[in-house]
Amino acid sequence: MEIYDLLWKRPDSEKSGKVFWEKVGILVNKDGKMSVKIDMIPARDWDGWLEVMKKKG
């Protein structure tokens, strides 16, 4: 079983140009079957894309 974090690139609220990665859920790949668990849906300045990154630890 492989677990991945679902992240969105959240812009800095102070408009400094920085971005922050915020976890919104996980993707689980078990024997080729993928499932997604969403904990929150980004609202402010979200372009609809999420990044998938291998879970650390």
Protein backbone atom coordinates (compact mmCIF):
# COMPACT_ATOMS: atom_id res chain seq x y z
CA MET A 1 0.00 0.00 0.00
CA GLU A 2 1.27 3.46 -0.92
CA ILE A 3 -0.02 6.67 0.66
CA TYR A 4 0.34 10.13 -0.89
CA ASP A 5 -0.50 13.57 0.46
CA LEU A 6 -2.81 15.84 -1.56
CA LEU A 7 -1.57 19.42 -1.33
CA TRP A 8 -2.60 22.78 -2.68
CA LYS A 9 -0.35 25.75 -3.24
CA ARG A 10 -1.82 28.47 -1.00
CA PRO A 11 -0.70 32.03 -1.79
CA ASP A 12 0.53 34.21 1.07
CA SER A 13 -2.27 36.38 2.40
CA GLU A 14 0.15 39.31 2.72
CA LYS A 15 0.85 39.28 -1.04
CA SER A 16 4.60 38.83 -0.46
CA GLY A 17 4.83 36.41 -3.38
CA LYS A 18 5.50 33.41 -1.13
CA VAL A 19 3.39 30.27 -1.36
CA PHE A 20 2.65 27.64 1.27
CA TRP A 21 1.81 23.97 0.75
CA GLU A 22 -1.29 22.94 2.68
CA LYS A 23 -2.44 19.32 2.99
CA VAL A 24 -6.08 18.79 2.01
CA GLY A 25 -6.27 14.98 2.05
CA ILE A 26 -4.61 11.72 1.01
CA LEU A 27 -4.52 9.34 -1.93
CA VAL A 28 -4.17 5.61 -1.15
CA ASN A 29 -2.95 3.13 -3.79
CA LYS A 30 -3.63 -0.45 -2.68
CA ASP A 31 -3.05 -3.21 -5.23
CA GLY A 32 -3.66 -0.80 -8.13
CA LYS A 33 -6.92 0.53 -6.69
CA MET A 34 -6.72 4.24 -5.84
CA SER A 35 -8.91 5.99 -3.28
CA VAL A 36 -8.99 9.65 -2.28
CA LYS A 37 -9.88 11.04 1.15
CA ILE A 38 -10.57 14.79 1.14
CA ASP A 39 -10.39 16.56 4.52
CA MET A 40 -11.01 20.08 3.22
CA ILE A 41 -11.63 21.88 -0.05
CA PRO A 42 -9.55 25.00 -0.71
CA ALA A 43 -11.66 28.06 -1.46
CA ARG A 44 -9.56 31.22 -1.62
CA ASP A 45 -7.53 31.65 -4.83
CA TRP A 46 -7.66 27.93 -5.69
CA ASP A 47 -7.13 27.08 -9.37
CA GLY A 48 -8.61 23.58 -9.05
CA TRP A 49 -5.28 21.71 -9.10
CA LEU A 50 -3.83 19.57 -6.30
CA GLU A 51 -0.28 18.24 -6.07
CA VAL A 52 0.30 14.59 -5.16
CA MET A 53 3.44 13.93 -3.11
CA LYS A 54 4.67 10.72 -1.50
CA LYS A 55 3.85 10.74 2.22
CA LYS A 56 6.92 11.13 4.36
CA GLY A 57 7.41 8.81 7.31
